[in-house]
């Protein structure tokens, strides 16, 4: 049975952290947002770090459900009959929708990244967050590579890291500048990736 009080505290933490940022938000602020005593918030979560991680996981759930509804499981393998190239294209489209639908999630995510630079506990959570999403992109990438006439020199993991980093660079630009055209940037990244994956193999000088 869901613990409604705990869920309310997590949702309050998410709202408070998005509004104020990690460093400007106290456990007392979160308890006030949730309408509970500070001691009750501490009963469920010993530290603000624990609450930040729980808030991120909570905020990611709708986005993960959207991916699953489209047939993409963040942690599972691709379906046996999957068309990796179709999933690759779909992934870029879903990335655009994520940024529109869950902008506050990215505000909190980038705050989490910054806190993690100097906070070992948050750094561990950031690494797990990044590793899971890079691994997801790498699974699609391996499927795409398997269908290429000439596999690239770069590994699927390296390509996935480049795509993940590029997407989050685009997300960051949009978070900092709401007028930035993130859709156009993601479309450009998608085009570069698709052209790379479908390019005609080059022939050496000795081939006819």
Protein backbone atom coordinates (compact mmCIF):
# COMPACT_ATOMS: atom_id res chain seq x y z
CA UNK A 1 0.00 0.00 0.00
CA UNK A 2 1.48 3.39 -0.95
CA UNK A 3 2.61 5.62 1.91
CA UNK A 4 0.73 8.82 1.09
CA UNK A 5 2.62 10.90 3.65
CA UNK A 6 5.97 9.87 2.22
CA UNK A 7 4.74 10.54 -1.32
CA UNK A 8 3.50 13.97 -0.25
CA UNK A 9 6.90 14.80 1.24
CA UNK A 10 8.67 13.73 -1.96
CA UNK A 11 6.35 15.82 -4.12
CA UNK A 12 6.82 18.77 -1.76
CA UNK A 13 10.59 18.32 -1.98
CA UNK A 14 10.40 18.35 -5.75
CA UNK A 15 8.34 21.55 -5.81
CA UNK A 16 10.50 23.30 -3.21
CA UNK A 17 13.79 22.29 -4.82
CA UNK A 18 12.64 23.43 -8.27
CA UNK A 19 11.50 26.80 -6.90
CA UNK A 20 14.45 27.54 -4.61
CA UNK A 21 17.31 25.29 -5.68
CA UNK A 22 19.15 22.77 -3.54
CA UNK A 23 21.31 25.16 -1.51
CA UNK A 24 18.44 27.53 -0.71
CA UNK A 25 16.03 24.79 0.38
CA UNK A 26 16.06 23.34 3.88
CA UNK A 27 14.32 20.30 5.30
CA UNK A 28 12.16 22.78 7.21
CA UNK A 29 11.11 24.37 3.90
CA UNK A 30 10.23 20.99 2.48
CA UNK A 31 8.22 20.03 5.57
CA UNK A 32 6.32 23.33 5.34
CA UNK A 33 5.60 22.70 1.64
CA UNK A 34 4.27 19.25 2.53
CA UNK A 35 2.26 20.52 5.50
CA UNK A 36 4.01 18.20 7.97
CA UNK A 37 6.25 18.66 10.98
CA UNK A 38 10.02 18.79 10.22
CA UNK A 39 10.52 15.74 12.41
CA UNK A 40 8.21 13.71 10.18
CA UNK A 41 10.20 14.66 7.09
CA UNK A 42 13.36 13.49 8.89
CA UNK A 43 11.59 10.27 9.88
CA UNK A 44 11.27 9.31 6.22
CA UNK A 45 14.49 10.90 4.94
CA UNK A 46 17.55 11.36 7.11
CA UNK A 47 19.12 14.01 4.90
CA UNK A 48 18.28 16.52 2.21
CA UNK A 49 20.50 14.50 -0.15
CA UNK A 50 18.19 11.51 0.27
CA UNK A 51 15.21 13.71 -0.55
CA UNK A 52 16.87 15.18 -3.64
CA UNK A 53 17.48 11.71 -5.06
CA UNK A 54 13.91 10.64 -4.24
CA UNK A 55 12.54 13.82 -5.84
CA UNK A 56 14.51 13.22 -9.05
CA UNK A 57 13.30 9.60 -9.24
CA UNK A 58 9.73 10.75 -8.60
CA UNK A 59 9.93 13.43 -11.29
CA UNK A 60 11.36 10.97 -13.83
CA UNK A 61 8.44 8.55 -13.54
CA UNK A 62 6.08 10.30 -16.02
CA UNK A 63 8.88 10.60 -18.58
CA UNK A 64 9.78 6.93 -18.17
CA UNK A 65 6.11 5.95 -18.63
CA UNK A 66 6.01 8.00 -21.84
CA UNK A 67 9.04 6.11 -23.18
CA UNK A 68 7.49 2.77 -22.20
CA UNK A 69 4.23 3.71 -23.91
CA UNK A 70 6.25 4.26 -27.08
CA UNK A 71 7.74 0.77 -26.74
CA UNK A 72 11.09 1.76 -25.21
CA UNK A 73 12.12 0.29 -21.86
CA UNK A 74 14.83 2.34 -20.17
CA UNK A 75 16.46 -0.64 -18.47
CA UNK A 76 15.38 -3.62 -20.57
CA UNK A 77 16.59 -4.97 -23.91
CA UNK A 78 15.10 -3.91 -27.22
CA UNK A 79 12.24 -6.14 -28.41
CA UNK A 80 13.46 -9.01 -30.60
CA UNK A 81 11.60 -7.65 -33.63
CA UNK A 82 12.66 -4.04 -32.99
CA UNK A 83 13.86 -1.77 -35.77
CA UNK A 84 16.78 0.00 -34.05
CA UNK A 85 16.81 2.84 -36.58
CA UNK A 86 13.12 3.53 -35.93
CA UNK A 87 13.79 3.56 -32.20
CA UNK A 88 16.72 5.91 -32.74
CA UNK A 89 14.53 8.38 -34.61
CA UNK A 90 11.77 7.98 -32.03
CA UNK A 91 14.25 8.63 -29.24
CA UNK A 92 15.15 12.05 -30.65
CA UNK A 93 11.47 12.94 -31.03
CA UNK A 94 10.75 11.90 -27.45
CA UNK A 95 13.73 13.97 -26.29
CA UNK A 96 12.05 17.05 -27.75
CA UNK A 97 8.78 16.23 -26.03
CA UNK A 98 10.52 15.62 -22.69
CA UNK A 99 12.02 19.09 -22.71
CA UNK A 100 8.62 20.66 -23.37
CA UNK A 101 6.66 18.55 -20.89
CA UNK A 102 9.14 18.22 -18.02
CA UNK A 103 11.19 21.41 -18.05
CA UNK A 104 11.17 21.63 -14.24
CA UNK A 105 12.71 18.15 -14.12
CA UNK A 106 15.69 19.43 -16.08
CA UNK A 107 16.01 22.43 -13.77
CA UNK A 108 16.34 20.04 -10.84
CA UNK A 109 18.58 17.64 -12.77
CA UNK A 110 21.14 20.31 -13.59
CA UNK A 111 21.01 21.53 -10.00
CA UNK A 112 21.73 17.95 -8.93
CA UNK A 113 24.69 17.77 -11.30
CA UNK A 114 26.16 20.94 -9.80
CA UNK A 115 25.68 19.75 -6.22
CA UNK A 116 27.27 16.43 -7.12
CA UNK A 117 30.57 18.07 -8.04
CA UNK A 118 31.28 18.70 -4.34
CA UNK A 119 28.95 16.23 -2.63
CA UNK A 120 30.05 12.56 -2.83
CA UNK A 121 26.60 11.17 -1.99
CA UNK A 122 24.90 13.16 -4.72
CA UNK A 123 27.81 12.41 -7.08
CA UNK A 124 27.09 8.68 -6.70
CA UNK A 125 23.42 9.26 -7.54
CA UNK A 126 24.38 11.41 -10.55
CA UNK A 127 26.70 8.69 -11.86
CA UNK A 128 23.93 6.08 -11.54
CA UNK A 129 21.49 8.42 -13.31
CA UNK A 130 23.92 9.05 -16.17
CA UNK A 131 25.04 5.42 -16.46
CA UNK A 132 21.46 4.15 -16.79
CA UNK A 133 20.60 6.60 -19.56
CA UNK A 134 23.87 6.15 -21.46
CA UNK A 135 23.39 2.39 -21.32
CA UNK A 136 19.89 2.82 -22.77
CA UNK A 137 21.24 4.84 -25.70
CA UNK A 138 24.06 2.31 -26.15
CA UNK A 139 21.56 -0.55 -26.53
CA UNK A 140 19.85 1.26 -29.39
CA UNK A 141 23.24 2.19 -30.84
CA UNK A 142 24.40 -1.44 -30.86
CA UNK A 143 21.27 -2.38 -32.78
CA UNK A 144 21.90 0.37 -35.33
CA UNK A 145 25.56 -0.63 -35.70
CA UNK A 146 24.54 -4.25 -36.31
CA UNK A 147 22.64 -3.09 -39.39
CA UNK A 148 25.41 -0.90 -40.80
CA UNK A 149 27.31 -2.08 -43.86
CA UNK A 150 30.54 -0.78 -42.36
CA UNK A 151 30.71 -0.60 -38.56
CA UNK A 152 32.25 2.60 -37.17
CA UNK A 153 35.61 2.73 -35.43
CA UNK A 154 33.96 4.20 -32.33
CA UNK A 155 32.30 1.82 -29.86
CA UNK A 156 28.58 1.89 -29.13
CA UNK A 157 29.37 3.11 -25.61
CA UNK A 158 31.45 6.02 -26.92
CA UNK A 159 28.74 7.01 -29.44
CA UNK A 160 26.10 6.79 -26.69
CA UNK A 161 28.18 9.05 -24.44
CA UNK A 162 28.53 11.59 -27.26
CA UNK A 163 24.77 11.56 -27.94
CA UNK A 164 23.85 11.80 -24.25
CA UNK A 165 26.28 14.67 -23.73
CA UNK A 166 25.02 16.49 -26.82
CA UNK A 167 21.38 16.17 -25.78
CA UNK A 168 22.06 17.46 -22.29
CA UNK A 169 24.08 20.33 -23.68
CA UNK A 170 21.00 21.25 -25.73
CA UNK A 171 18.76 20.85 -22.68
CA UNK A 172 21.02 23.13 -20.65
CA UNK A 173 20.96 25.83 -23.31
CA UNK A 174 17.16 25.75 -23.33
CA UNK A 175 16.93 25.83 -19.53
CA UNK A 176 19.19 28.89 -19.45
CA UNK A 177 17.52 30.59 -22.44
CA UNK A 178 13.81 29.81 -22.96
CA UNK A 179 14.01 31.41 -26.43
CA UNK A 180 16.67 28.94 -27.55
CA UNK A 181 15.36 26.66 -30.33
CA UNK A 182 16.03 23.28 -28.76
CA UNK A 183 13.87 21.47 -31.32
CA UNK A 184 16.07 22.69 -34.17
CA UNK A 185 19.22 21.67 -32.29
CA UNK A 186 17.86 18.18 -31.53
CA UNK A 187 16.75 17.82 -35.16
CA UNK A 188 20.29 18.73 -36.26
CA UNK A 189 21.78 16.16 -33.87
CA UNK A 190 19.31 13.55 -35.12
CA UNK A 191 20.20 14.31 -38.74
CA UNK A 192 23.92 14.00 -38.04
CA UNK A 193 23.40 10.67 -36.24
CA UNK A 194 21.15 9.24 -38.98
CA UNK A 195 23.50 10.37 -41.78
CA UNK A 196 26.39 8.78 -39.86
CA UNK A 197 24.47 5.51 -39.49
CA UNK A 198 23.27 5.32 -43.11
CA UNK A 199 26.34 6.61 -44.93
CA UNK A 200 27.55 4.57 -47.91
CA UNK A 201 30.81 2.77 -47.05
CA UNK A 202 33.88 4.29 -48.67
CA UNK A 203 36.01 2.17 -50.94
CA UNK A 204 39.76 1.98 -50.74
CA UNK A 205 41.87 3.04 -53.74
CA UNK A 206 42.57 -0.60 -54.63
CA UNK A 207 38.93 -1.57 -54.94
CA UNK A 208 37.15 -1.47 -58.29
